[in-house]
N, C-alpha and C. Protein backbone atom coordinates (compact mmCIF):
# COMPACT_ATOMS: atom_id res chain seq x y z
N MET A 1 90.06 97.71 91.86
CA MET A 1 89.39 96.74 93.22
C MET A 1 90.35 95.57 93.24
N THR A 2 91.27 95.18 94.00
CA THR A 2 91.89 94.32 94.17
C THR A 2 91.18 93.16 94.80
N PHE A 3 91.62 91.69 94.32
CA PHE A 3 91.11 90.73 94.97
C PHE A 3 92.41 89.82 95.40
N ASP A 4 92.18 89.61 96.68
CA ASP A 4 93.47 88.53 96.88
C ASP A 4 92.91 87.00 97.11
N PHE A 5 94.00 86.34 96.81
CA PHE A 5 93.45 84.30 96.92
C PHE A 5 93.56 84.01 98.26
N ASP A 6 92.74 83.20 98.29
CA ASP A 6 92.39 82.64 99.43
C ASP A 6 93.24 81.37 99.73
N PHE A 7 94.94 81.46 100.35
CA PHE A 7 95.61 80.28 100.56
C PHE A 7 94.92 79.10 101.59
N ASP A 8 94.88 78.12 101.08
CA ASP A 8 94.34 76.96 101.76
C ASP A 8 96.15 76.34 102.66
N GLN A 9 96.59 76.34 104.02
CA GLN A 9 97.79 75.50 104.10
C GLN A 9 98.30 74.74 103.57
N LEU A 10 97.27 73.87 102.65
CA LEU A 10 98.35 72.53 102.31
C LEU A 10 98.76 72.96 101.15
N TYR A 11 98.13 74.31 100.32
CA TYR A 11 98.45 74.80 99.12
C TYR A 11 99.78 75.63 99.29
N ARG A 12 99.93 76.21 100.45
CA ARG A 12 100.93 77.44 100.80
C ARG A 12 102.43 76.65 100.57
N PRO A 13 102.56 75.74 100.59
CA PRO A 13 104.14 75.14 100.43
C PRO A 13 104.50 75.16 98.75
N VAL A 14 103.30 74.23 98.17
CA VAL A 14 103.74 74.01 97.05
C VAL A 14 103.68 74.67 96.05
N ALA A 15 102.99 76.00 96.53
CA ALA A 15 103.01 77.33 95.87
C ALA A 15 103.90 78.16 95.63
N LEU A 16 104.17 78.02 97.06
CA LEU A 16 106.12 78.67 96.96
C LEU A 16 107.26 78.43 96.36
N ALA A 17 106.97 76.51 95.81
CA ALA A 17 107.93 76.55 94.83
C ALA A 17 107.84 76.69 94.03
N PHE A 18 107.16 77.48 93.31
CA PHE A 18 106.36 77.73 91.99
C PHE A 18 106.60 79.18 91.92
N GLY A 19 106.82 80.12 93.04
CA GLY A 19 106.89 81.53 92.81
C GLY A 19 105.21 82.17 93.32
N VAL A 20 104.78 80.91 94.01
CA VAL A 20 103.34 81.99 93.83
C VAL A 20 103.18 82.15 95.37
N THR A 21 102.94 83.30 96.08
CA THR A 21 103.03 83.58 97.64
C THR A 21 101.69 84.84 97.63
N PRO A 22 101.20 84.92 98.61
CA PRO A 22 100.27 85.84 98.66
C PRO A 22 100.69 87.57 97.80
N GLY A 23 102.01 88.01 98.15
CA GLY A 23 102.14 89.01 98.06
C GLY A 23 102.43 89.09 96.04
N ARG A 24 102.06 87.72 95.55
CA ARG A 24 102.56 87.61 94.33
C ARG A 24 101.30 86.95 93.53
N ALA A 25 100.05 87.11 93.95
CA ALA A 25 98.92 86.21 93.81
C ALA A 25 97.81 87.38 93.71
N ARG A 26 97.31 87.82 92.81
CA ARG A 26 96.34 88.85 92.85
C ARG A 26 95.31 89.12 91.64
N VAL A 27 94.23 89.43 91.70
CA VAL A 27 93.48 89.61 90.76
C VAL A 27 92.65 91.29 90.90
N ASP A 28 93.17 92.39 90.03
CA ASP A 28 93.15 93.66 89.56
C ASP A 28 91.57 93.92 88.71
N VAL A 29 90.72 94.51 89.08
CA VAL A 29 90.07 94.89 88.09
C VAL A 29 89.97 96.54 88.11
N GLU A 30 90.48 97.00 87.56
CA GLU A 30 90.39 98.82 87.17
C GLU A 30 90.69 99.16 85.97
N ASP A 31 90.19 100.56 85.61
CA ASP A 31 90.55 101.43 84.43
C ASP A 31 90.56 99.97 83.05
N GLY A 32 89.01 99.68 83.17
CA GLY A 32 88.79 98.67 82.16
C GLY A 32 89.54 97.57 81.68
N ARG A 33 90.33 97.28 82.73
CA ARG A 33 91.22 95.88 82.82
C ARG A 33 90.98 94.97 83.49
N LEU A 34 91.00 93.70 83.50
CA LEU A 34 91.30 92.74 84.67
C LEU A 34 92.85 92.03 84.32
N VAL A 35 93.55 92.36 85.56
CA VAL A 35 94.85 91.39 85.72
C VAL A 35 94.86 90.59 86.66
N ALA A 36 95.39 89.61 86.00
CA ALA A 36 95.38 88.55 87.05
C ALA A 36 96.87 88.12 87.31
N ARG A 37 97.33 87.78 88.29
CA ARG A 37 99.14 87.71 88.29
C ARG A 37 98.73 85.99 89.58
N PHE A 38 99.60 85.56 89.35
CA PHE A 38 99.77 84.58 90.21
C PHE A 38 101.90 83.96 89.91
N GLY A 39 102.06 84.41 90.96
CA GLY A 39 103.64 83.86 90.76
C GLY A 39 104.17 84.94 89.29
N PHE A 40 104.58 83.46 88.75
CA PHE A 40 105.37 83.61 87.26
C PHE A 40 104.45 84.24 86.01
N TRP A 41 102.95 84.02 86.28
CA TRP A 41 102.15 83.76 85.49
C TRP A 41 101.34 85.08 85.51
N THR A 42 100.69 85.53 84.65
CA THR A 42 99.82 86.72 84.53
C THR A 42 99.10 86.64 83.07
N VAL A 43 97.50 87.08 83.27
CA VAL A 43 96.77 86.70 82.13
C VAL A 43 96.21 88.89 82.09
N ALA A 44 96.30 89.13 81.43
CA ALA A 44 95.62 90.34 81.12
C ALA A 44 94.62 90.90 79.94
N THR A 45 94.11 91.45 79.97
CA THR A 45 92.45 91.71 78.85
C THR A 45 91.77 92.73 79.43
N ASP A 46 91.40 93.60 78.60
CA ASP A 46 90.16 94.07 78.87
C ASP A 46 88.49 93.80 79.40
N LEU A 47 88.27 94.24 80.43
CA LEU A 47 87.02 94.21 80.70
C LEU A 47 85.57 94.03 79.58
N ALA A 48 85.64 94.18 78.32
CA ALA A 48 85.15 94.27 77.54
C ALA A 48 84.86 92.85 77.01
N ASN A 49 86.36 92.14 77.41
CA ASN A 49 86.42 90.52 76.84
C ASN A 49 85.74 89.51 77.71
N VAL A 50 85.54 90.30 78.64
CA VAL A 50 84.93 89.15 79.75
C VAL A 50 83.32 88.77 79.41
N ALA A 51 83.60 87.81 78.75
CA ALA A 51 81.77 87.35 78.25
C ALA A 51 81.19 86.70 79.60
N GLY A 52 81.71 86.38 80.70
CA GLY A 52 80.25 85.68 82.13
C GLY A 52 81.23 85.04 82.75
N THR A 53 80.94 84.87 84.12
CA THR A 53 81.34 84.24 85.30
C THR A 53 80.64 83.11 85.84
N GLU A 54 81.04 82.07 86.71
CA GLU A 54 80.93 81.47 86.60
C GLU A 54 81.25 80.68 88.58
N ILE A 55 80.70 80.92 89.33
CA ILE A 55 81.24 80.38 90.97
C ILE A 55 80.97 78.65 90.41
N SER A 56 82.60 78.41 90.88
CA SER A 56 82.92 76.92 90.87
C SER A 56 83.18 76.34 92.15
N GLY A 57 83.49 74.76 92.05
CA GLY A 57 84.24 73.86 92.77
C GLY A 57 83.19 73.12 93.99
N PRO A 58 83.61 72.13 94.78
CA PRO A 58 85.33 72.07 95.07
C PRO A 58 86.21 71.65 93.76
N TYR A 59 87.15 71.56 93.82
CA TYR A 59 88.16 71.15 93.12
C TYR A 59 89.11 69.91 93.81
N ARG A 60 89.48 69.13 92.89
CA ARG A 60 90.42 67.75 93.24
C ARG A 60 92.00 68.47 93.89
N THR A 61 92.44 68.33 94.38
CA THR A 61 93.66 69.05 95.26
C THR A 61 94.81 68.53 94.22
N LEU A 62 94.99 67.28 93.62
CA LEU A 62 96.06 66.86 92.66
C LEU A 62 95.76 67.73 91.66
N THR A 63 94.68 68.20 91.06
CA THR A 63 94.35 69.01 89.62
C THR A 63 94.38 70.53 89.80
N THR A 64 95.01 71.20 91.23
CA THR A 64 94.84 72.19 91.06
C THR A 64 96.21 72.97 92.26
N ILE A 65 96.36 72.10 92.87
CA ILE A 65 97.84 72.28 93.89
C ILE A 65 98.81 72.68 92.69
N GLY A 66 99.86 73.83 93.43
CA GLY A 66 101.15 74.03 92.97
C GLY A 66 100.99 75.38 91.91
N PRO A 67 101.30 75.20 90.73
CA PRO A 67 101.66 75.85 89.66
C PRO A 67 100.34 76.35 88.81
N ALA A 68 100.31 76.90 87.99
CA ALA A 68 99.06 77.49 87.24
C ALA A 68 98.93 75.83 86.40
N HIS A 69 97.32 75.71 86.31
CA HIS A 69 97.51 74.56 85.56
C HIS A 69 96.65 74.31 84.30
N LEU A 70 96.89 74.05 82.95
CA LEU A 70 95.98 74.00 82.02
C LEU A 70 95.03 72.59 81.77
N SER A 71 93.94 72.85 81.59
CA SER A 71 92.94 71.94 80.87
C SER A 71 93.30 71.28 79.74
N LEU A 72 93.66 70.13 79.84
CA LEU A 72 93.80 69.58 78.37
C LEU A 72 92.39 69.35 77.60
N VAL A 73 91.27 69.39 78.24
CA VAL A 73 90.04 69.19 77.77
C VAL A 73 89.65 70.34 76.95
N ASP A 74 89.76 71.96 77.71
CA ASP A 74 89.18 73.00 77.00
C ASP A 74 90.39 74.24 76.75
N ARG A 75 91.41 74.16 77.10
CA ARG A 75 92.28 75.10 77.38
C ARG A 75 92.65 75.75 78.33
N GLY A 76 91.59 75.69 79.17
CA GLY A 76 91.42 76.68 80.01
C GLY A 76 92.53 77.05 81.12
N LEU A 77 92.37 77.92 81.74
CA LEU A 77 94.11 77.96 82.78
C LEU A 77 93.48 78.47 84.20
N THR A 78 94.06 77.62 85.12
CA THR A 78 93.78 77.43 86.57
C THR A 78 94.94 78.50 87.49
N PHE A 79 94.58 79.21 88.15
CA PHE A 79 95.24 79.60 89.01
C PHE A 79 94.69 78.98 90.55
N ALA A 80 95.25 78.45 91.44
CA ALA A 80 94.15 77.99 92.29
C ALA A 80 95.02 78.39 93.74
N THR A 81 94.97 78.37 94.61
CA THR A 81 95.29 78.33 96.24
C THR A 81 94.07 77.49 97.17
N ASN A 82 93.35 77.09 96.69
CA ASN A 82 92.58 76.32 97.67
C ASN A 82 91.75 75.24 96.70
N PRO A 83 91.13 74.09 97.39
CA PRO A 83 90.62 73.48 96.65
C PRO A 83 88.86 73.47 96.79
N ARG A 84 88.46 74.52 97.88
CA ARG A 84 87.11 74.55 97.71
C ARG A 84 86.30 75.47 97.07
N GLN A 85 86.90 76.82 96.59
CA GLN A 85 85.84 77.50 95.57
C GLN A 85 86.72 78.83 94.73
N GLY A 86 85.92 78.79 93.75
CA GLY A 86 86.74 79.66 92.58
C GLY A 86 85.58 80.63 91.89
N LEU A 87 86.23 81.36 91.15
CA LEU A 87 85.54 81.85 90.22
C LEU A 87 86.26 81.38 88.45
N CYS A 88 85.02 81.14 87.82
CA CYS A 88 85.57 80.63 86.24
C CYS A 88 85.24 81.85 85.59
N ILE A 89 85.91 82.31 84.92
CA ILE A 89 85.87 83.65 84.01
C ILE A 89 86.23 83.66 82.57
N ARG A 90 84.86 83.10 81.67
CA ARG A 90 84.83 83.08 80.19
C ARG A 90 85.17 84.32 79.45
N PHE A 91 86.09 84.14 78.35
CA PHE A 91 86.68 85.24 77.48
C PHE A 91 85.78 85.26 76.26
N HIS A 92 85.71 86.23 75.43
CA HIS A 92 84.87 86.40 74.01
C HIS A 92 86.09 85.96 73.17
N GLU A 93 87.40 86.33 73.43
CA GLU A 93 88.44 86.25 72.76
C GLU A 93 89.25 85.59 73.74
N PRO A 94 90.24 83.92 73.43
CA PRO A 94 91.30 83.42 74.39
C PRO A 94 92.25 84.74 74.83
N VAL A 95 92.75 84.48 75.73
CA VAL A 95 93.75 84.87 76.34
C VAL A 95 95.13 84.58 76.28
N GLY A 96 96.00 84.60 76.21
CA GLY A 96 97.19 84.26 76.65
C GLY A 96 97.61 84.19 78.18
N GLY A 97 98.64 83.37 78.94
CA GLY A 97 99.00 83.61 80.42
C GLY A 97 99.87 82.67 80.71
N LEU A 98 99.86 81.40 79.95
CA LEU A 98 100.64 80.11 80.74
C LEU A 98 101.79 80.51 80.55
N GLU A 99 102.43 80.67 78.66
CA GLU A 99 103.69 80.60 78.26
C GLU A 99 104.06 81.85 78.30
N PRO A 100 104.98 82.60 77.86
CA PRO A 100 105.56 84.32 77.60
C PRO A 100 105.30 84.35 75.77
N THR A 101 105.01 83.80 75.54
CA THR A 101 105.12 84.00 73.49
C THR A 101 103.69 84.17 73.84
N GLY A 102 102.46 83.73 74.47
CA GLY A 102 101.14 83.87 74.36
C GLY A 102 100.84 83.49 73.20
N LEU A 103 101.32 82.08 72.50
CA LEU A 103 100.78 81.57 71.24
C LEU A 103 99.66 80.69 71.87
N LEU A 104 99.57 80.02 72.73
CA LEU A 104 98.88 79.47 73.47
C LEU A 104 97.70 80.20 74.15
N ARG A 105 96.35 80.20 74.02
CA ARG A 105 95.32 80.99 74.21
C ARG A 105 94.08 80.45 75.02
N HIS A 106 93.70 80.57 76.04
CA HIS A 106 92.48 80.02 76.95
C HIS A 106 91.52 80.87 76.57
N PRO A 107 90.66 80.01 76.49
CA PRO A 107 89.27 80.68 76.96
C PRO A 107 88.42 81.00 78.26
N GLY A 108 89.01 80.61 79.48
CA GLY A 108 88.76 80.81 80.33
C GLY A 108 89.91 80.54 81.79
N LEU A 109 89.37 81.34 82.50
CA LEU A 109 90.74 81.43 83.61
C LEU A 109 89.98 80.97 85.10
N THR A 110 89.94 80.10 85.74
CA THR A 110 89.81 80.00 86.92
C THR A 110 89.93 80.64 87.65
N VAL A 111 90.09 81.44 88.98
CA VAL A 111 90.90 82.04 89.90
C VAL A 111 89.99 81.69 91.52
N THR A 112 91.09 81.14 92.24
CA THR A 112 90.22 80.64 93.84
C THR A 112 90.86 82.19 94.81
N VAL A 113 90.08 83.25 94.78
CA VAL A 113 90.19 84.21 95.20
C VAL A 113 89.25 84.19 96.43
N ALA A 114 89.72 85.09 97.45
CA ALA A 114 88.77 84.91 98.55
C ALA A 114 87.64 85.40 98.61
N ASP A 115 87.47 86.72 97.84
CA ASP A 115 85.86 87.40 97.34
C ASP A 115 85.24 86.44 96.02
N VAL A 116 85.10 85.78 95.82
CA VAL A 116 84.44 85.07 94.63
C VAL A 116 83.02 85.87 94.09
N GLU A 117 82.24 86.30 94.95
CA GLU A 117 81.22 86.75 94.33
C GLU A 117 81.31 88.26 94.34
N GLY A 118 82.30 89.28 95.00
CA GLY A 118 82.65 90.45 94.98
C GLY A 118 83.51 90.63 93.42
N LEU A 119 84.25 89.32 93.27
CA LEU A 119 85.10 89.25 91.77
C LEU A 119 83.84 89.41 90.56
N ALA A 120 83.12 88.61 90.80
CA ALA A 120 81.81 88.39 90.14
C ALA A 120 81.34 89.59 89.84
N ALA A 121 80.87 90.13 90.60
CA ALA A 121 79.97 91.74 90.49
C ALA A 121 81.39 92.65 89.86
N ALA A 122 82.25 92.76 90.39
CA ALA A 122 83.05 93.79 89.76
C ALA A 122 83.65 93.71 88.18
N LEU A 123 83.39 92.25 87.58
CA LEU A 123 83.52 92.22 86.12
C LEU A 123 82.16 92.00 85.60
N ALA A 124 81.49 92.14 86.28
CA ALA A 124 79.77 92.08 85.86
C ALA A 124 79.24 93.57 85.35
N GLY A 125 79.72 94.57 86.48
CA GLY A 125 79.78 95.95 86.55
C GLY A 125 80.92 96.52 85.45
N GLY A 126 81.60 95.59 85.04
CA GLY A 126 82.45 96.65 84.08
C GLY A 126 83.12 97.71 85.16
N ALA A 127 83.61 97.08 86.24
CA ALA A 127 84.57 98.59 87.10
C ALA A 127 85.60 98.93 86.48
């Protein structure tokens, strides 16, 4: 299953500057894997590594607009295309995604897909 990001008009031009477009931003859940793509950034892990999800939002525009964002509080990663709503995905084992070596690991990923409930259900069902 593929889940497209929900792009806010304000976010589009800023996201484009970082290579994030509707064609390069999606979350795929299939064959026992979760793969989230956001322009130049990718998070990939087995579905067995998903510990849980939580619908969250709204978010502050200044902390979500543009490229992938790292939380300095908990090292969580955010792929955001709107300030309204997203899905926070928690992992049993932290995953790479922000930098190419994978040394920086993230215990969670927030994605602002259009169908947050559908993504949550797909992850809960181990699609």
